[in-house]
Amino acid sequence: MNLVKNSFTLLETLISITFLSIVISGFLYSSYHEKTNQENFMILNDLENRFDTKSYTNFSKTNQNLQIVKNQGTTENIVVSKYQFENENIKIFKYEK
């Protein structure tokens, strides 16, 4: 007698659903990081443009004193401004005299 199998067993169905869910979650996870990277790129591009145009509206500003030693004897004190931007993914700063 020759029997023909016409339907999936319960085990085959569970294995197929598990494999399918792993594949789908992998695609969702990879597209999330692509979106985050794209957003970070846009923020960095905007920050670069602000540095170039010296438009520091989104930056926090602090003044710092620096002491520079020249030729092991001459010291020079200068005041610089530190402009800083920080969020959960990016921390960037610039010193300007």
N, C-alpha and C. Protein backbone atom coordinates (compact mmCIF):
# COMPACT_ATOMS: atom_id res chain seq x y z
N MET A 1 0.84 -1.16 0.00
CA MET A 1 0.00 0.00 0.00
C MET A 1 0.90 1.24 0.00
N ASN A 2 0.59 2.22 -0.83
CA ASN A 2 1.39 3.43 -0.99
C ASN A 2 0.57 4.61 -0.47
N LEU A 3 1.06 5.26 0.64
CA LEU A 3 0.36 6.40 1.21
C LEU A 3 0.99 7.69 0.74
N VAL A 4 0.19 8.65 0.42
CA VAL A 4 0.66 9.95 -0.03
C VAL A 4 0.42 10.95 1.08
N LYS A 5 1.46 11.71 1.41
CA LYS A 5 1.36 12.71 2.48
C LYS A 5 0.81 14.00 1.88
N ASN A 6 -0.32 14.49 2.40
CA ASN A 6 -0.98 15.66 1.85
C ASN A 6 -0.96 16.87 2.76
N SER A 7 -0.51 16.76 4.00
CA SER A 7 -0.56 17.90 4.90
C SER A 7 0.68 17.92 5.80
N PHE A 8 0.95 19.11 6.32
CA PHE A 8 2.06 19.26 7.25
C PHE A 8 1.69 18.67 8.60
N THR A 9 2.67 18.15 9.27
CA THR A 9 2.44 17.72 10.65
C THR A 9 2.58 18.93 11.56
N LEU A 10 2.18 18.79 12.78
CA LEU A 10 2.26 19.88 13.74
C LEU A 10 3.71 20.31 13.95
N LEU A 11 4.61 19.37 14.01
CA LEU A 11 6.04 19.68 14.21
C LEU A 11 6.60 20.48 13.03
N GLU A 12 6.28 20.10 11.83
CA GLU A 12 6.74 20.83 10.66
C GLU A 12 6.19 22.25 10.63
N THR A 13 4.94 22.41 11.05
CA THR A 13 4.32 23.73 11.09
C THR A 13 5.02 24.63 12.11
N LEU A 14 5.30 24.11 13.30
CA LEU A 14 5.99 24.88 14.33
C LEU A 14 7.40 25.27 13.89
N ILE A 15 8.09 24.36 13.26
CA ILE A 15 9.45 24.66 12.76
C ILE A 15 9.38 25.75 11.69
N SER A 16 8.42 25.68 10.79
CA SER A 16 8.28 26.68 9.73
C SER A 16 7.96 28.05 10.30
N ILE A 17 7.05 28.11 11.27
CA ILE A 17 6.70 29.40 11.89
C ILE A 17 7.88 29.98 12.64
N THR A 18 8.64 29.16 13.36
CA THR A 18 9.83 29.63 14.08
C THR A 18 10.86 30.19 13.12
N PHE A 19 11.14 29.47 12.05
CA PHE A 19 12.11 29.94 11.06
C PHE A 19 11.67 31.24 10.41
N LEU A 20 10.39 31.33 10.07
CA LEU A 20 9.85 32.54 9.45
C LEU A 20 9.94 33.73 10.39
N SER A 21 9.63 33.54 11.67
CA SER A 21 9.72 34.65 12.63
C SER A 21 11.16 35.12 12.83
N ILE A 22 12.12 34.21 12.79
CA ILE A 22 13.53 34.59 12.90
C ILE A 22 13.95 35.42 11.69
N VAL A 23 13.56 35.02 10.52
CA VAL A 23 13.90 35.76 9.30
C VAL A 23 13.27 37.16 9.31
N ILE A 24 12.01 37.25 9.68
CA ILE A 24 11.32 38.55 9.70
C ILE A 24 11.94 39.47 10.74
N SER A 25 12.23 38.95 11.94
CA SER A 25 12.83 39.81 12.96
C SER A 25 14.23 40.26 12.55
N GLY A 26 14.96 39.44 11.82
CA GLY A 26 16.27 39.85 11.31
C GLY A 26 16.18 41.02 10.36
N PHE A 27 15.19 41.02 9.47
CA PHE A 27 15.00 42.14 8.55
C PHE A 27 14.58 43.41 9.29
N LEU A 28 13.69 43.27 10.27
CA LEU A 28 13.27 44.44 11.03
C LEU A 28 14.43 45.04 11.81
N TYR A 29 15.27 44.21 12.40
CA TYR A 29 16.41 44.67 13.18
C TYR A 29 17.43 45.39 12.29
N SER A 30 17.69 44.85 11.11
CA SER A 30 18.67 45.48 10.22
C SER A 30 18.17 46.81 9.67
N SER A 31 16.89 46.93 9.39
CA SER A 31 16.37 48.20 8.88
C SER A 31 16.32 49.25 9.98
N TYR A 32 16.19 48.85 11.25
CA TYR A 32 16.21 49.81 12.36
C TYR A 32 17.56 50.49 12.43
N HIS A 33 18.65 49.72 12.35
CA HIS A 33 19.99 50.32 12.42
C HIS A 33 20.28 51.19 11.21
N GLU A 34 19.76 50.83 10.07
CA GLU A 34 19.95 51.65 8.87
C GLU A 34 19.27 53.01 9.07
N LYS A 35 18.09 53.01 9.66
CA LYS A 35 17.37 54.26 9.91
C LYS A 35 18.13 55.10 10.93
N THR A 36 18.64 54.49 11.99
CA THR A 36 19.41 55.20 13.00
C THR A 36 20.68 55.79 12.41
N ASN A 37 21.37 55.03 11.59
CA ASN A 37 22.59 55.53 10.94
C ASN A 37 22.28 56.71 10.02
N GLN A 38 21.17 56.63 9.31
CA GLN A 38 20.77 57.73 8.42
C GLN A 38 20.47 58.99 9.23
N GLU A 39 19.77 58.84 10.36
CA GLU A 39 19.46 59.99 11.21
C GLU A 39 20.75 60.60 11.78
N ASN A 40 21.68 59.76 12.22
CA ASN A 40 22.95 60.26 12.75
C ASN A 40 23.74 60.99 11.67
N PHE A 41 23.72 60.47 10.45
CA PHE A 41 24.41 61.13 9.35
C PHE A 41 23.83 62.52 9.10
N MET A 42 22.50 62.62 9.14
CA MET A 42 21.86 63.92 8.91
C MET A 42 22.21 64.91 10.03
N ILE A 43 22.23 64.44 11.27
CA ILE A 43 22.59 65.31 12.40
C ILE A 43 24.03 65.78 12.27
N LEU A 44 24.94 64.86 11.95
CA LEU A 44 26.36 65.23 11.80
C LEU A 44 26.56 66.22 10.66
N ASN A 45 25.83 66.04 9.58
CA ASN A 45 25.93 66.96 8.45
C ASN A 45 25.45 68.35 8.86
N ASP A 46 24.36 68.41 9.61
CA ASP A 46 23.84 69.69 10.10
C ASP A 46 24.84 70.34 11.06
N LEU A 47 25.44 69.56 11.94
CA LEU A 47 26.44 70.10 12.88
C LEU A 47 27.66 70.64 12.15
N GLU A 48 28.10 69.93 11.13
CA GLU A 48 29.24 70.41 10.34
C GLU A 48 28.92 71.75 9.68
N ASN A 49 27.72 71.87 9.14
CA ASN A 49 27.32 73.14 8.52
C ASN A 49 27.27 74.27 9.55
N ARG A 50 26.81 73.96 10.76
CA ARG A 50 26.77 74.98 11.81
C ARG A 50 28.17 75.40 12.24
N PHE A 51 29.10 74.45 12.30
CA PHE A 51 30.49 74.79 12.62
C PHE A 51 31.08 75.70 11.54
N ASP A 52 30.80 75.37 10.28
CA ASP A 52 31.35 76.16 9.18
C ASP A 52 30.81 77.59 9.16
N THR A 53 29.53 77.74 9.48
CA THR A 53 28.92 79.08 9.46
C THR A 53 28.99 79.78 10.83
N LYS A 54 29.55 79.10 11.82
CA LYS A 54 29.67 79.62 13.19
C LYS A 54 28.31 80.00 13.77
N SER A 55 27.33 79.17 13.49
CA SER A 55 26.00 79.33 14.04
C SER A 55 25.84 78.30 15.16
N TYR A 56 26.09 78.72 16.40
CA TYR A 56 26.17 77.79 17.52
C TYR A 56 24.89 77.79 18.37
N THR A 57 23.73 77.86 17.75
CA THR A 57 22.48 77.96 18.51
C THR A 57 22.14 76.67 19.26
N ASN A 58 22.47 75.51 18.73
CA ASN A 58 22.14 74.24 19.39
C ASN A 58 23.25 73.72 20.28
N PHE A 59 24.28 74.51 20.49
CA PHE A 59 25.44 74.07 21.27
C PHE A 59 25.43 74.72 22.65
N SER A 60 25.98 74.01 23.61
CA SER A 60 26.21 74.64 24.91
C SER A 60 27.61 75.24 24.88
N LYS A 61 27.76 76.42 25.48
CA LYS A 61 29.02 77.15 25.43
C LYS A 61 29.58 77.31 26.84
N THR A 62 30.87 76.99 26.97
CA THR A 62 31.59 77.23 28.22
C THR A 62 32.93 77.87 27.87
N ASN A 63 33.43 78.71 28.77
CA ASN A 63 34.75 79.31 28.58
C ASN A 63 35.74 78.58 29.48
N GLN A 64 36.93 78.33 28.94
CA GLN A 64 37.95 77.63 29.69
C GLN A 64 39.27 78.36 29.54
N ASN A 65 40.06 78.34 30.63
CA ASN A 65 41.40 78.91 30.60
C ASN A 65 42.40 77.80 30.31
N LEU A 66 43.27 78.05 29.35
CA LEU A 66 44.32 77.10 29.01
C LEU A 66 45.68 77.75 29.27
N GLN A 67 46.60 76.96 29.80
CA GLN A 67 47.95 77.45 30.03
C GLN A 67 48.87 76.69 29.08
N ILE A 68 49.58 77.45 28.24
CA ILE A 68 50.47 76.88 27.24
C ILE A 68 51.90 77.18 27.67
N VAL A 69 52.74 76.13 27.70
CA VAL A 69 54.15 76.30 28.05
C VAL A 69 54.95 76.23 26.75
N LYS A 70 55.74 77.31 26.51
CA LYS A 70 56.57 77.39 25.31
C LYS A 70 58.03 77.32 25.71
N ASN A 71 58.77 76.49 25.04
CA ASN A 71 60.22 76.37 25.23
C ASN A 71 60.61 76.15 26.69
N GLN A 72 59.86 75.42 27.42
CA GLN A 72 60.11 75.02 28.80
C GLN A 72 60.33 76.21 29.74
N GLY A 73 59.81 77.33 29.45
CA GLY A 73 59.99 78.46 30.34
C GLY A 73 58.92 79.52 30.21
N THR A 74 58.51 79.80 29.04
CA THR A 74 57.52 80.83 28.81
C THR A 74 56.13 80.21 28.88
N THR A 75 55.29 80.78 29.70
CA THR A 75 53.91 80.29 29.79
C THR A 75 52.97 81.38 29.28
N GLU A 76 51.91 80.92 28.67
CA GLU A 76 50.91 81.84 28.13
C GLU A 76 49.53 81.32 28.53
N ASN A 77 48.73 82.19 29.08
CA ASN A 77 47.36 81.84 29.44
C ASN A 77 46.41 82.41 28.39
N ILE A 78 45.54 81.56 27.88
CA ILE A 78 44.55 82.02 26.92
C ILE A 78 43.17 81.52 27.34
N VAL A 79 42.16 82.27 26.95
CA VAL A 79 40.76 81.88 27.22
C VAL A 79 40.16 81.40 25.91
N VAL A 80 39.60 80.19 25.94
CA VAL A 80 38.96 79.63 24.75
C VAL A 80 37.51 79.32 25.06
N SER A 81 36.71 79.31 24.02
CA SER A 81 35.30 78.93 24.14
C SER A 81 35.16 77.48 23.68
N LYS A 82 34.43 76.71 24.45
CA LYS A 82 34.16 75.32 24.08
C LYS A 82 32.67 75.21 23.73
N TYR A 83 32.40 74.83 22.48
CA TYR A 83 31.04 74.62 22.01
C TYR A 83 30.81 73.11 21.95
N GLN A 84 29.72 72.66 22.58
CA GLN A 84 29.50 71.22 22.70
C GLN A 84 28.06 70.87 22.35
N PHE A 85 27.93 69.74 21.61
CA PHE A 85 26.62 69.16 21.30
C PHE A 85 26.66 67.71 21.76
N GLU A 86 25.57 67.28 22.40
CA GLU A 86 25.53 65.90 22.89
C GLU A 86 24.10 65.38 22.87
N ASN A 87 23.94 64.17 22.34
CA ASN A 87 22.68 63.43 22.46
C ASN A 87 23.03 61.98 22.78
N GLU A 88 22.07 61.07 22.66
CA GLU A 88 22.33 59.68 23.06
C GLU A 88 23.32 58.96 22.16
N ASN A 89 23.53 59.42 20.93
CA ASN A 89 24.42 58.75 19.99
C ASN A 89 25.66 59.57 19.62
N ILE A 90 25.61 60.88 19.81
CA ILE A 90 26.67 61.75 19.31
C ILE A 90 27.13 62.68 20.43
N LYS A 91 28.45 62.81 20.55
CA LYS A 91 29.03 63.82 21.44
C LYS A 91 30.17 64.48 20.65
N ILE A 92 30.03 65.79 20.43
CA ILE A 92 31.02 66.49 19.63
C ILE A 92 31.26 67.85 20.26
N PHE A 93 32.51 68.33 20.19
CA PHE A 93 32.83 69.63 20.73
C PHE A 93 33.91 70.30 19.90
N LYS A 94 34.01 71.62 20.08
CA LYS A 94 34.98 72.43 19.33
C LYS A 94 35.49 73.53 20.24
N TYR A 95 36.80 73.71 20.22
CA TYR A 95 37.42 74.83 20.96
C TYR A 95 37.69 75.95 19.98
N GLU A 96 37.42 77.19 20.40
CA GLU A 96 37.65 78.33 19.54
C GLU A 96 38.20 79.48 20.37
N LYS A 97 39.21 80.12 19.82
CA LYS A 97 39.84 81.25 20.51
C LYS A 97 39.16 82.53 20.17
